[in-house]
Amino acid sequence: MTLMALVVAVTAGAQGTTIYEYPWNPDSNNDNLIGVDDLLDFLPVFGDEFGNPPEPCDYDGTPLEEWAANWINGDIVVDSIFVEYEIEDASSYFIAGCPEEITDTLIVANSHLLTFPSNFNDTSLGTAWGGAQVRLTLNFNGSEGTFSFVLENSLLNELVSDGFFAGGSATSNEPIPFPFEWTFTEDGISLTWDNDGWCNYANYLHILPYWHYAE
């Protein structure tokens, strides 16, 4: 009887041409009339709890997955990221008047401490800077649920124009679970780079973040 009284009461208020939106819309087919079809749509959920939040995610991810999600969600504050590398490449060329090809091998070793700029704000979340030259960015696509890392190094631009190495490096867009090659150990973060960027020329590449939990 209570259910029927509710249907009658809502029917009386549903006259006219306006479609009202509620947390639950009793006019499921939006014909401005609470009828049998609307009641049939309601019966399968009769007795269920209403308005409860979704169940919390109990996924137990890898250390890197947990760290990446915590950074994006703001649960941790990344203070700095130490990047150290040695990269090696060979470039071949000719000089005028000589038919023999010349090959030069170049090795570059460097390290950078990436921190946040003084104008850091929420829109910069997921990006750590080393001056204006080196930048590590963690991207998250909420509509697709994918993460990607980008490591840019403009200090190499002149060498790239000379035929050595390549431009910025990026990983593929990956959902959780991450590829098994993506790890986070005491030695830092290890990733696989999906383009011909400079990280693929590394004899070693260490990416070591320092962070603390947000208060």
N, C-alpha and C. Protein backbone atom coordinates (compact mmCIF):
# COMPACT_ATOMS: atom_id res chain seq x y z
N MET A 1 0.84 -1.20 0.00
CA MET A 1 0.00 0.00 0.00
C MET A 1 0.88 1.26 0.00
N THR A 2 1.97 1.20 0.75
CA THR A 2 2.87 2.36 0.77
C THR A 2 3.45 2.62 -0.61
N LEU A 3 3.83 1.54 -1.31
CA LEU A 3 4.37 1.67 -2.65
C LEU A 3 3.35 2.28 -3.59
N MET A 4 2.11 1.82 -3.54
CA MET A 4 1.07 2.35 -4.43
C MET A 4 0.79 3.81 -4.11
N ALA A 5 0.81 4.17 -2.83
CA ALA A 5 0.58 5.57 -2.45
C ALA A 5 1.69 6.45 -3.00
N LEU A 6 2.93 5.93 -2.99
CA LEU A 6 4.05 6.69 -3.54
C LEU A 6 3.89 6.90 -5.03
N VAL A 7 3.46 5.85 -5.75
CA VAL A 7 3.26 5.96 -7.19
C VAL A 7 2.20 6.99 -7.50
N VAL A 8 1.08 6.98 -6.77
CA VAL A 8 0.01 7.94 -7.01
C VAL A 8 0.48 9.35 -6.73
N ALA A 9 1.22 9.53 -5.64
CA ALA A 9 1.68 10.87 -5.28
C ALA A 9 2.62 11.44 -6.33
N VAL A 10 3.54 10.61 -6.83
CA VAL A 10 4.48 11.08 -7.83
C VAL A 10 3.78 11.33 -9.15
N THR A 11 2.75 10.49 -9.48
CA THR A 11 2.00 10.69 -10.71
C THR A 11 1.33 12.05 -10.71
N ALA A 12 0.79 12.44 -9.58
CA ALA A 12 0.09 13.72 -9.50
C ALA A 12 1.05 14.86 -9.73
N GLY A 13 2.30 14.70 -9.36
CA GLY A 13 3.26 15.78 -9.52
C GLY A 13 3.98 15.74 -10.84
N ALA A 14 3.68 14.76 -11.72
CA ALA A 14 4.41 14.60 -12.96
C ALA A 14 3.63 15.11 -14.15
N GLN A 15 2.53 15.79 -13.93
CA GLN A 15 1.76 16.30 -15.04
C GLN A 15 2.49 17.48 -15.70
N GLY A 16 2.19 17.72 -16.96
CA GLY A 16 2.83 18.80 -17.69
C GLY A 16 3.92 18.28 -18.58
N THR A 17 4.76 19.17 -19.07
CA THR A 17 5.78 18.78 -20.05
C THR A 17 7.18 18.79 -19.46
N THR A 18 7.34 19.13 -18.21
CA THR A 18 8.67 19.20 -17.60
C THR A 18 9.09 17.83 -17.10
N ILE A 19 10.34 17.41 -17.42
CA ILE A 19 10.90 16.16 -16.92
C ILE A 19 11.79 16.50 -15.74
N TYR A 20 11.44 15.98 -14.57
CA TYR A 20 12.19 16.28 -13.36
C TYR A 20 13.26 15.21 -13.16
N GLU A 21 14.44 15.65 -12.75
CA GLU A 21 15.53 14.72 -12.47
C GLU A 21 15.71 14.61 -10.97
N TYR A 22 15.66 13.38 -10.48
CA TYR A 22 15.86 13.09 -9.06
C TYR A 22 17.09 12.20 -8.92
N PRO A 23 17.56 11.99 -7.71
CA PRO A 23 18.59 10.96 -7.54
C PRO A 23 18.14 9.63 -8.14
N TRP A 24 16.85 9.35 -8.03
CA TRP A 24 16.25 8.25 -8.78
C TRP A 24 15.00 8.79 -9.45
N ASN A 25 14.91 8.62 -10.75
CA ASN A 25 13.79 9.16 -11.51
C ASN A 25 12.70 8.10 -11.62
N PRO A 26 11.54 8.29 -10.97
CA PRO A 26 10.48 7.28 -11.04
C PRO A 26 9.89 7.15 -12.44
N ASP A 27 10.02 8.18 -13.27
CA ASP A 27 9.51 8.12 -14.64
C ASP A 27 10.63 7.60 -15.54
N SER A 28 10.87 6.29 -15.51
CA SER A 28 12.05 5.71 -16.15
C SER A 28 12.03 5.86 -17.67
N ASN A 29 10.85 5.92 -18.28
CA ASN A 29 10.79 6.07 -19.73
C ASN A 29 10.53 7.51 -20.16
N ASN A 30 10.50 8.44 -19.18
CA ASN A 30 10.38 9.87 -19.45
C ASN A 30 9.18 10.23 -20.34
N ASP A 31 8.04 9.60 -20.05
CA ASP A 31 6.83 9.95 -20.80
C ASP A 31 5.89 10.84 -19.98
N ASN A 32 6.43 11.39 -18.86
CA ASN A 32 5.65 12.26 -17.97
C ASN A 32 4.46 11.54 -17.34
N LEU A 33 4.53 10.23 -17.26
CA LEU A 33 3.45 9.47 -16.65
C LEU A 33 4.05 8.28 -15.92
N ILE A 34 3.73 8.15 -14.63
CA ILE A 34 4.21 7.00 -13.87
C ILE A 34 3.24 5.86 -14.10
N GLY A 35 3.66 4.89 -14.91
CA GLY A 35 2.77 3.80 -15.30
C GLY A 35 3.35 2.45 -14.98
N VAL A 36 2.75 1.45 -15.59
CA VAL A 36 3.15 0.05 -15.34
C VAL A 36 4.59 -0.18 -15.77
N ASP A 37 5.00 0.40 -16.92
CA ASP A 37 6.37 0.19 -17.38
C ASP A 37 7.39 0.72 -16.37
N ASP A 38 7.08 1.86 -15.77
CA ASP A 38 7.99 2.41 -14.76
C ASP A 38 8.05 1.52 -13.53
N LEU A 39 6.91 0.95 -13.15
CA LEU A 39 6.86 0.06 -12.00
C LEU A 39 7.66 -1.21 -12.25
N LEU A 40 7.59 -1.74 -13.48
CA LEU A 40 8.35 -2.94 -13.81
C LEU A 40 9.86 -2.68 -13.76
N ASP A 41 10.28 -1.46 -14.15
CA ASP A 41 11.69 -1.12 -14.06
C ASP A 41 12.15 -1.00 -12.61
N PHE A 42 11.22 -0.64 -11.73
CA PHE A 42 11.54 -0.44 -10.33
C PHE A 42 11.62 -1.75 -9.55
N LEU A 43 10.77 -2.73 -9.90
CA LEU A 43 10.66 -3.96 -9.11
C LEU A 43 11.97 -4.75 -9.00
N PRO A 44 12.81 -4.84 -10.05
CA PRO A 44 14.04 -5.63 -9.91
C PRO A 44 14.98 -5.12 -8.81
N VAL A 45 14.88 -3.83 -8.45
CA VAL A 45 15.78 -3.29 -7.43
C VAL A 45 15.06 -3.07 -6.10
N PHE A 46 13.81 -3.53 -6.01
CA PHE A 46 13.04 -3.36 -4.78
C PHE A 46 13.74 -4.09 -3.63
N GLY A 47 13.96 -3.39 -2.52
CA GLY A 47 14.61 -3.98 -1.36
C GLY A 47 16.10 -3.77 -1.31
N ASP A 48 16.71 -3.25 -2.42
CA ASP A 48 18.14 -2.98 -2.41
C ASP A 48 18.43 -1.69 -1.65
N GLU A 49 19.66 -1.56 -1.17
CA GLU A 49 20.09 -0.31 -0.55
C GLU A 49 20.24 0.75 -1.62
N PHE A 50 19.91 2.00 -1.26
CA PHE A 50 19.91 3.08 -2.23
C PHE A 50 20.83 4.21 -1.76
N GLY A 51 21.59 4.75 -2.71
CA GLY A 51 22.40 5.93 -2.42
C GLY A 51 23.71 5.64 -1.74
N ASN A 52 24.12 4.38 -1.64
CA ASN A 52 25.39 4.07 -1.00
C ASN A 52 26.54 4.32 -1.97
N PRO A 53 27.70 4.75 -1.49
CA PRO A 53 28.84 4.96 -2.37
C PRO A 53 29.35 3.63 -2.90
N PRO A 54 30.06 3.66 -4.03
CA PRO A 54 30.60 2.40 -4.57
C PRO A 54 31.59 1.76 -3.61
N GLU A 55 31.69 0.47 -3.73
CA GLU A 55 32.62 -0.26 -2.88
C GLU A 55 34.05 0.21 -3.11
N PRO A 56 34.86 0.36 -2.07
CA PRO A 56 36.25 0.80 -2.26
C PRO A 56 37.04 -0.25 -3.04
N CYS A 57 37.99 0.25 -3.83
CA CYS A 57 38.83 -0.64 -4.63
C CYS A 57 39.81 -1.36 -3.72
N ASP A 58 39.85 -2.68 -3.82
CA ASP A 58 40.76 -3.45 -2.97
C ASP A 58 41.91 -4.03 -3.78
N TYR A 59 42.21 -3.40 -4.93
CA TYR A 59 43.31 -3.87 -5.78
C TYR A 59 44.64 -3.65 -5.07
N ASP A 60 45.44 -4.66 -5.01
CA ASP A 60 46.75 -4.60 -4.36
C ASP A 60 47.80 -4.51 -5.45
N GLY A 61 48.23 -3.28 -5.79
CA GLY A 61 49.13 -3.07 -6.91
C GLY A 61 50.59 -3.22 -6.54
N THR A 62 51.43 -3.06 -7.55
CA THR A 62 52.87 -3.10 -7.35
C THR A 62 53.32 -1.80 -6.69
N PRO A 63 54.55 -1.76 -6.17
CA PRO A 63 55.05 -0.50 -5.57
C PRO A 63 54.98 0.68 -6.53
N LEU A 64 55.27 0.47 -7.82
CA LEU A 64 55.22 1.57 -8.78
C LEU A 64 53.78 2.01 -9.03
N GLU A 65 52.86 1.06 -9.14
CA GLU A 65 51.45 1.41 -9.34
C GLU A 65 50.91 2.20 -8.16
N GLU A 66 51.26 1.77 -6.96
CA GLU A 66 50.80 2.47 -5.76
C GLU A 66 51.40 3.87 -5.69
N TRP A 67 52.69 4.00 -5.99
CA TRP A 67 53.34 5.30 -5.93
C TRP A 67 52.74 6.25 -6.97
N ALA A 68 52.53 5.78 -8.19
CA ALA A 68 51.98 6.63 -9.25
C ALA A 68 50.58 7.10 -8.89
N ALA A 69 49.74 6.20 -8.40
CA ALA A 69 48.37 6.58 -8.03
C ALA A 69 48.38 7.57 -6.87
N ASN A 70 49.25 7.36 -5.89
CA ASN A 70 49.32 8.27 -4.75
C ASN A 70 49.78 9.66 -5.16
N TRP A 71 50.70 9.74 -6.12
CA TRP A 71 51.16 11.05 -6.61
C TRP A 71 50.03 11.78 -7.32
N ILE A 72 49.34 11.07 -8.22
CA ILE A 72 48.25 11.69 -8.96
C ILE A 72 47.12 12.10 -8.02
N ASN A 73 46.81 11.26 -7.03
CA ASN A 73 45.70 11.55 -6.12
C ASN A 73 46.06 12.57 -5.04
N GLY A 74 47.36 12.91 -4.94
CA GLY A 74 47.78 13.87 -3.93
C GLY A 74 47.97 13.26 -2.55
N ASP A 75 48.02 11.93 -2.47
CA ASP A 75 48.22 11.27 -1.18
C ASP A 75 49.67 11.35 -0.72
N ILE A 76 50.58 11.56 -1.66
CA ILE A 76 51.98 11.78 -1.32
C ILE A 76 52.42 13.10 -1.96
N VAL A 77 53.46 13.68 -1.39
CA VAL A 77 54.06 14.90 -1.92
C VAL A 77 55.47 14.54 -2.39
N VAL A 78 55.70 14.67 -3.69
CA VAL A 78 57.02 14.37 -4.24
C VAL A 78 57.91 15.59 -4.05
N ASP A 79 58.95 15.46 -3.25
CA ASP A 79 59.84 16.58 -2.95
C ASP A 79 60.84 16.82 -4.08
N SER A 80 61.39 15.76 -4.62
CA SER A 80 62.36 15.89 -5.71
C SER A 80 62.52 14.52 -6.37
N ILE A 81 63.13 14.54 -7.55
CA ILE A 81 63.43 13.31 -8.27
C ILE A 81 64.85 13.42 -8.80
N PHE A 82 65.68 12.47 -8.44
CA PHE A 82 67.07 12.45 -8.89
C PHE A 82 67.16 11.59 -10.15
N VAL A 83 67.72 12.17 -11.21
CA VAL A 83 67.88 11.47 -12.48
C VAL A 83 69.36 11.43 -12.83
N GLU A 84 69.87 10.23 -13.05
CA GLU A 84 71.27 10.04 -13.40
C GLU A 84 71.36 9.09 -14.58
N TYR A 85 72.24 9.41 -15.54
CA TYR A 85 72.28 8.58 -16.74
C TYR A 85 73.65 8.63 -17.39
N GLU A 86 73.92 7.61 -18.19
CA GLU A 86 75.02 7.60 -19.14
C GLU A 86 74.45 7.08 -20.45
N ILE A 87 74.56 7.89 -21.50
CA ILE A 87 74.01 7.51 -22.81
C ILE A 87 75.14 7.47 -23.83
N GLU A 88 74.99 6.60 -24.80
CA GLU A 88 76.04 6.39 -25.80
C GLU A 88 75.42 6.23 -27.17
N ASP A 89 76.04 6.88 -28.17
CA ASP A 89 75.53 6.79 -29.54
C ASP A 89 76.70 6.97 -30.50
N ALA A 90 76.51 6.49 -31.72
CA ALA A 90 77.51 6.64 -32.77
C ALA A 90 76.86 7.33 -33.96
N SER A 91 77.59 8.22 -34.60
CA SER A 91 77.09 8.95 -35.76
C SER A 91 78.14 8.87 -36.87
N SER A 92 77.69 8.52 -38.08
CA SER A 92 78.59 8.38 -39.22
C SER A 92 78.34 9.50 -40.22
N TYR A 93 79.42 9.99 -40.85
CA TYR A 93 79.29 11.09 -41.79
C TYR A 93 80.49 11.08 -42.74
N PHE A 94 80.39 11.89 -43.79
CA PHE A 94 81.47 12.06 -44.75
C PHE A 94 81.92 13.52 -44.74
N ILE A 95 83.17 13.73 -45.08
CA ILE A 95 83.66 15.08 -45.29
C ILE A 95 84.00 15.24 -46.77
N ALA A 96 83.93 16.47 -47.23
CA ALA A 96 84.17 16.73 -48.66
C ALA A 96 85.58 16.31 -49.05
N GLY A 97 85.67 15.61 -50.19
CA GLY A 97 86.96 15.20 -50.72
C GLY A 97 87.46 13.88 -50.21
N CYS A 98 86.68 13.19 -49.33
CA CYS A 98 87.11 11.90 -48.79
C CYS A 98 86.00 10.87 -48.97
N PRO A 99 86.28 9.77 -49.67
CA PRO A 99 85.24 8.77 -49.91
C PRO A 99 84.98 7.85 -48.72
N GLU A 100 85.80 7.95 -47.68
CA GLU A 100 85.66 7.03 -46.55
C GLU A 100 84.75 7.63 -45.47
N GLU A 101 83.86 6.81 -44.98
CA GLU A 101 82.93 7.24 -43.94
C GLU A 101 83.64 7.36 -42.60
N ILE A 102 83.30 8.39 -41.86
CA ILE A 102 83.88 8.62 -40.54
C ILE A 102 82.80 8.37 -39.50
N THR A 103 83.14 7.64 -38.47
CA THR A 103 82.18 7.33 -37.39
C THR A 103 82.71 7.87 -36.07
N ASP A 104 81.88 8.66 -35.41
CA ASP A 104 82.23 9.19 -34.09
C ASP A 104 81.32 8.53 -33.05
N THR A 105 81.89 8.18 -31.92
CA THR A 105 81.13 7.65 -30.79
C THR A 105 81.13 8.70 -29.68
N LEU A 106 79.94 8.94 -29.16
CA LEU A 106 79.79 9.98 -28.13
C LEU A 106 79.14 9.37 -26.90
N ILE A 107 79.73 9.63 -25.74
CA ILE A 107 79.18 9.19 -24.47
C ILE A 107 78.92 10.44 -23.61
N VAL A 108 77.69 10.54 -23.10
CA VAL A 108 77.32 11.66 -22.25
C VAL A 108 76.84 11.10 -20.91
N ALA A 109 77.42 11.60 -19.83
CA ALA A 109 77.01 11.21 -18.48
C ALA A 109 76.64 12.48 -17.72
N ASN A 110 75.52 12.42 -17.01
CA ASN A 110 75.06 13.59 -16.29
C ASN A 110 74.08 13.18 -15.20
N SER A 111 73.78 14.12 -14.34
CA SER A 111 72.77 13.88 -13.30
C SER A 111 72.03 15.19 -13.05
N HIS A 112 70.76 15.08 -12.63
CA HIS A 112 69.92 16.25 -12.41
C HIS A 112 69.03 15.98 -11.20
N LEU A 113 68.82 17.01 -10.41
CA LEU A 113 67.86 16.93 -9.31
C LEU A 113 66.63 17.72 -9.73
N LEU A 114 65.54 17.01 -9.97
CA LEU A 114 64.31 17.63 -10.43
C LEU A 114 63.48 18.05 -9.23
N THR A 115 63.11 19.31 -9.19
CA THR A 115 62.27 19.85 -8.13
C THR A 115 61.11 20.60 -8.76
N PHE A 116 60.26 21.17 -7.93
CA PHE A 116 59.09 21.88 -8.43
C PHE A 116 59.37 23.37 -8.50
N PRO A 117 58.84 24.05 -9.54
CA PRO A 117 59.05 25.49 -9.64
C PRO A 117 58.32 26.24 -8.55
N SER A 118 58.73 27.51 -8.34
CA SER A 118 58.14 28.31 -7.27
C SER A 118 56.65 28.58 -7.52
N ASN A 119 56.23 28.54 -8.79
CA ASN A 119 54.81 28.77 -9.10
C ASN A 119 54.04 27.47 -9.23
N PHE A 120 54.54 26.42 -8.56
CA PHE A 120 53.88 25.11 -8.62
C PHE A 120 52.45 25.21 -8.12
N ASN A 121 51.53 24.57 -8.84
CA ASN A 121 50.14 24.51 -8.40
C ASN A 121 49.56 23.15 -8.80
N ASP A 122 48.28 22.96 -8.54
CA ASP A 122 47.67 21.65 -8.79
C ASP A 122 47.75 21.24 -10.25
N THR A 123 47.75 22.22 -11.17
CA THR A 123 47.81 21.88 -12.59
C THR A 123 49.18 21.34 -12.98
N SER A 124 50.19 21.55 -12.11
CA SER A 124 51.53 21.03 -12.38
C SER A 124 51.74 19.66 -11.74
N LEU A 125 50.71 19.13 -11.10
CA LEU A 125 50.85 17.84 -10.43
C LEU A 125 51.29 16.77 -11.43
N GLY A 126 52.28 16.01 -11.05
CA GLY A 126 52.78 14.98 -11.94
C GLY A 126 53.96 15.43 -12.77
N THR A 127 54.50 16.62 -12.51
CA THR A 127 55.65 17.11 -13.26
C THR A 127 56.72 17.61 -12.30
N ALA A 128 57.94 17.13 -12.48
CA ALA A 128 59.08 17.62 -11.71
C ALA A 128 60.09 18.20 -12.69
N TRP A 129 60.69 19.32 -12.32
CA TRP A 129 61.55 20.06 -13.23
C TRP A 129 62.99 20.05 -12.74
N GLY A 130 63.93 20.02 -13.69
CA GLY A 130 65.33 20.27 -13.40
C GLY A 130 65.71 21.54 -14.12
N GLY A 131 65.52 22.68 -13.48
CA GLY A 131 65.68 23.95 -14.18
C GLY A 131 64.65 24.03 -15.29
N ALA A 132 65.08 24.50 -16.47
CA ALA A 132 64.18 24.53 -17.63
C ALA A 132 64.58 23.47 -18.65
N GLN A 133 65.54 22.61 -18.28
CA GLN A 133 66.12 21.70 -19.27
C GLN A 133 65.59 20.27 -19.18
N VAL A 134 65.40 19.78 -17.98
CA VAL A 134 65.03 18.38 -17.80
C VAL A 134 63.71 18.32 -17.06
N ARG A 135 62.81 17.49 -17.55
CA ARG A 135 61.49 17.42 -16.93
C ARG A 135 60.97 15.98 -16.98
N LEU A 136 60.46 15.51 -15.87
CA LEU A 136 59.79 14.22 -15.80
C LEU A 136 58.32 14.46 -15.51
N THR A 137 57.46 13.89 -16.33
CA THR A 137 56.02 14.07 -16.17
C THR A 137 55.34 12.72 -16.09
N LEU A 138 54.45 12.59 -15.12
CA LEU A 138 53.58 11.42 -15.01
C LEU A 138 52.18 11.85 -15.43
N ASN A 139 51.66 11.27 -16.49
CA ASN A 139 50.33 11.60 -17.00
C ASN A 139 49.34 10.51 -16.63
N PHE A 140 48.11 10.92 -16.33
CA PHE A 140 47.03 9.97 -16.07
C PHE A 140 45.81 10.38 -16.88
N ASN A 141 45.29 9.48 -17.69
CA ASN A 141 44.08 9.71 -18.47
C ASN A 141 42.92 9.06 -17.74
N GLY A 142 42.09 9.88 -17.08
CA GLY A 142 41.01 9.34 -16.27
C GLY A 142 39.93 8.66 -17.08
N SER A 143 39.69 9.11 -18.32
CA SER A 143 38.64 8.50 -19.13
C SER A 143 39.04 7.12 -19.64
N GLU A 144 40.35 6.87 -19.75
CA GLU A 144 40.83 5.58 -20.23
C GLU A 144 41.52 4.77 -19.14
N GLY A 145 41.84 5.42 -18.01
CA GLY A 145 42.51 4.72 -16.93
C GLY A 145 43.94 4.33 -17.23
N THR A 146 44.65 5.16 -18.01
CA THR A 146 46.02 4.82 -18.41
C THR A 146 47.01 5.83 -17.86
N PHE A 147 48.23 5.35 -17.61
CA PHE A 147 49.33 6.17 -17.14
C PHE A 147 50.43 6.19 -18.20
N SER A 148 51.20 7.28 -18.22
CA SER A 148 52.39 7.32 -19.06
C SER A 148 53.42 8.25 -18.42
N PHE A 149 54.69 7.97 -18.69
CA PHE A 149 55.79 8.79 -18.21
C PHE A 149 56.47 9.46 -19.40
N VAL A 150 56.89 10.70 -19.24
CA VAL A 150 57.63 11.44 -20.26
C VAL A 150 58.87 12.03 -19.60
N LEU A 151 60.04 11.79 -20.21
CA LEU A 151 61.30 12.33 -19.68
C LEU A 151 61.95 13.16 -20.78
N GLU A 152 61.91 14.48 -20.61
CA GLU A 152 62.46 15.41 -21.61
C GLU A 152 63.82 15.91 -21.15
N ASN A 153 64.69 16.17 -22.14
CA ASN A 153 66.05 16.64 -21.82
C ASN A 153 66.52 17.56 -22.94
N SER A 154 66.24 18.86 -22.80
CA SER A 154 66.60 19.81 -23.85
C SER A 154 68.10 20.10 -23.88
N LEU A 155 68.85 19.63 -22.87
CA LEU A 155 70.30 19.80 -22.89
C LEU A 155 70.94 19.03 -24.04
N LEU A 156 70.23 18.06 -24.58
CA LEU A 156 70.76 17.24 -25.67
C LEU A 156 70.39 17.77 -27.04
N ASN A 157 69.67 18.89 -27.10
CA ASN A 157 69.15 19.36 -28.39
C ASN A 157 70.25 19.58 -29.43
N GLU A 158 71.36 20.19 -29.02
CA GLU A 158 72.45 20.44 -29.97
C GLU A 158 73.06 19.14 -30.47
N LEU A 159 73.17 18.16 -29.57
CA LEU A 159 73.70 16.86 -29.98
C LEU A 159 72.73 16.14 -30.91
N VAL A 160 71.45 16.29 -30.66
CA VAL A 160 70.44 15.69 -31.53
C VAL A 160 70.54 16.27 -32.93
N SER A 161 70.74 17.59 -33.03
CA SER A 161 70.87 18.23 -34.34
C SER A 161 72.13 17.79 -35.06
N ASP A 162 73.13 17.31 -34.30
CA ASP A 162 74.37 16.80 -34.91
C ASP A 162 74.25 15.32 -35.30
N GLY A 163 73.09 14.72 -35.05
CA GLY A 163 72.90 13.34 -35.47
C GLY A 163 73.03 12.32 -34.36
N PHE A 164 73.22 12.77 -33.13
CA PHE A 164 73.34 11.85 -32.00
C PHE A 164 72.02 11.80 -31.22
N PHE A 165 71.76 10.64 -30.68
CA PHE A 165 70.61 10.45 -29.80
C PHE A 165 69.30 10.84 -30.50
N ALA A 166 68.32 11.28 -29.71
CA ALA A 166 67.02 11.68 -30.25
C ALA A 166 66.36 12.58 -29.22
N GLY A 167 65.12 12.96 -29.47
CA GLY A 167 64.43 13.90 -28.60
C GLY A 167 63.90 13.25 -27.34
N GLY A 168 62.81 13.81 -26.80
CA GLY A 168 62.24 13.35 -25.53
C GLY A 168 61.79 11.90 -25.59
N SER A 169 61.82 11.26 -24.44
CA SER A 169 61.40 9.87 -24.33
C SER A 169 60.06 9.78 -23.64
N ALA A 170 59.27 8.80 -24.05
CA ALA A 170 57.96 8.58 -23.44
C ALA A 170 57.67 7.09 -23.39
N THR A 171 56.89 6.70 -22.41
CA THR A 171 56.42 5.32 -22.37
C THR A 171 55.08 5.26 -23.11
N SER A 172 54.60 4.07 -23.34
CA SER A 172 53.26 3.92 -23.89
C SER A 172 52.23 4.23 -22.80
N ASN A 173 50.99 4.45 -23.21
CA ASN A 173 49.90 4.66 -22.26
C ASN A 173 49.45 3.30 -21.75
N GLU A 174 49.65 3.06 -20.48
CA GLU A 174 49.41 1.73 -19.92
C GLU A 174 48.39 1.78 -18.79
N PRO A 175 47.41 0.87 -18.81
CA PRO A 175 46.51 0.74 -17.66
C PRO A 175 47.16 -0.12 -16.59
N ILE A 176 46.56 -0.11 -15.43
CA ILE A 176 46.97 -1.05 -14.38
C ILE A 176 46.36 -2.41 -14.69
N PRO A 177 47.08 -3.52 -14.57
CA PRO A 177 48.46 -3.64 -14.09
C PRO A 177 49.49 -3.18 -15.12
N PHE A 178 50.55 -2.54 -14.64
CA PHE A 178 51.62 -2.07 -15.51
C PHE A 178 52.38 -3.26 -16.10
N PRO A 179 53.09 -3.05 -17.22
CA PRO A 179 53.96 -4.11 -17.76
C PRO A 179 54.95 -4.57 -16.69
N PHE A 180 55.30 -5.84 -16.73
CA PHE A 180 56.16 -6.38 -15.67
C PHE A 180 57.54 -5.74 -15.69
N GLU A 181 57.93 -5.12 -16.83
CA GLU A 181 59.23 -4.45 -16.89
C GLU A 181 59.22 -3.14 -16.11
N TRP A 182 58.04 -2.61 -15.82
CA TRP A 182 57.95 -1.37 -15.06
C TRP A 182 58.06 -1.71 -13.57
N THR A 183 59.15 -1.31 -12.94
CA THR A 183 59.37 -1.67 -11.54
C THR A 183 59.80 -0.46 -10.72
N PHE A 184 59.68 -0.59 -9.43
CA PHE A 184 60.13 0.44 -8.49
C PHE A 184 60.80 -0.30 -7.34
N THR A 185 62.12 -0.19 -7.28
CA THR A 185 62.91 -0.85 -6.25
C THR A 185 63.75 0.20 -5.52
N GLU A 186 64.64 -0.28 -4.65
CA GLU A 186 65.52 0.65 -3.93
C GLU A 186 66.48 1.37 -4.88
N ASP A 187 66.63 0.84 -6.10
CA ASP A 187 67.48 1.48 -7.10
C ASP A 187 66.72 2.53 -7.91
N GLY A 188 65.41 2.64 -7.70
CA GLY A 188 64.63 3.65 -8.41
C GLY A 188 63.60 3.03 -9.34
N ILE A 189 63.10 3.86 -10.24
CA ILE A 189 62.04 3.48 -11.18
C ILE A 189 62.67 3.01 -12.49
N SER A 190 62.24 1.86 -12.97
CA SER A 190 62.70 1.31 -14.24
C SER A 190 61.50 1.20 -15.18
N LEU A 191 61.65 1.75 -16.40
CA LEU A 191 60.55 1.79 -17.37
C LEU A 191 61.04 1.31 -18.73
N THR A 192 60.11 0.98 -19.61
CA THR A 192 60.43 0.71 -21.00
C THR A 192 59.89 1.86 -21.83
N TRP A 193 60.73 2.38 -22.73
CA TRP A 193 60.39 3.55 -23.52
C TRP A 193 59.98 3.10 -24.91
N ASP A 194 58.86 3.63 -25.40
CA ASP A 194 58.27 3.08 -26.63
C ASP A 194 58.63 3.86 -27.89
N ASN A 195 59.54 4.84 -27.81
CA ASN A 195 59.93 5.55 -29.02
C ASN A 195 61.45 5.58 -29.12
N ASP A 196 61.95 6.35 -30.07
CA ASP A 196 63.39 6.40 -30.30
C ASP A 196 64.02 7.54 -29.52
N GLY A 197 63.50 7.83 -28.34
CA GLY A 197 64.00 8.92 -27.53
C GLY A 197 65.36 8.61 -26.93
N TRP A 198 65.92 9.61 -26.28
CA TRP A 198 67.29 9.50 -25.80
C TRP A 198 67.46 8.46 -24.71
N CYS A 199 66.39 8.12 -23.99
CA CYS A 199 66.51 7.11 -22.93
C CYS A 199 66.88 5.74 -23.47
N ASN A 200 66.57 5.48 -24.72
CA ASN A 200 66.89 4.18 -25.31
C ASN A 200 68.39 4.03 -25.61
N TYR A 201 69.15 5.10 -25.45
CA TYR A 201 70.59 5.04 -25.68
C TYR A 201 71.35 4.89 -24.37
N ALA A 202 70.65 4.64 -23.28
CA ALA A 202 71.27 4.66 -21.96
C ALA A 202 72.02 3.37 -21.66
N ASN A 203 73.26 3.52 -21.21
CA ASN A 203 73.97 2.40 -20.59
C ASN A 203 73.41 2.17 -19.19
N TYR A 204 73.03 3.25 -18.54
CA TYR A 204 72.27 3.16 -17.29
C TYR A 204 71.44 4.42 -17.16
N LEU A 205 70.31 4.27 -16.49
CA LEU A 205 69.40 5.40 -16.24
C LEU A 205 68.73 5.16 -14.90
N HIS A 206 69.00 6.04 -13.94
CA HIS A 206 68.41 5.92 -12.61
C HIS A 206 67.41 7.05 -12.40
N ILE A 207 66.20 6.70 -12.01
CA ILE A 207 65.17 7.67 -11.68
C ILE A 207 64.74 7.38 -10.25
N LEU A 208 65.17 8.24 -9.34
CA LEU A 208 64.97 7.96 -7.92
C LEU A 208 64.18 9.10 -7.28
N PRO A 209 62.90 8.89 -6.96
CA PRO A 209 62.09 9.95 -6.35
C PRO A 209 62.22 9.97 -4.83
N TYR A 210 62.03 11.17 -4.27
CA TYR A 210 61.97 11.36 -2.82
C TYR A 210 60.64 12.02 -2.51
N TRP A 211 59.91 11.46 -1.56
CA TRP A 211 58.58 11.97 -1.29
C TRP A 211 58.21 11.73 0.17
N HIS A 212 57.11 12.36 0.59
CA HIS A 212 56.56 12.09 1.92
C HIS A 212 55.04 12.06 1.79
N TYR A 213 54.40 11.42 2.73
CA TYR A 213 52.94 11.33 2.72
C TYR A 213 52.31 12.67 3.09
N ALA A 214 51.26 13.02 2.37
CA ALA A 214 50.58 14.28 2.63
C ALA A 214 49.91 14.24 4.01
N GLU A 215 49.86 15.39 4.67
CA GLU A 215 49.25 15.45 6.00
C GLU A 215 47.74 15.55 5.89
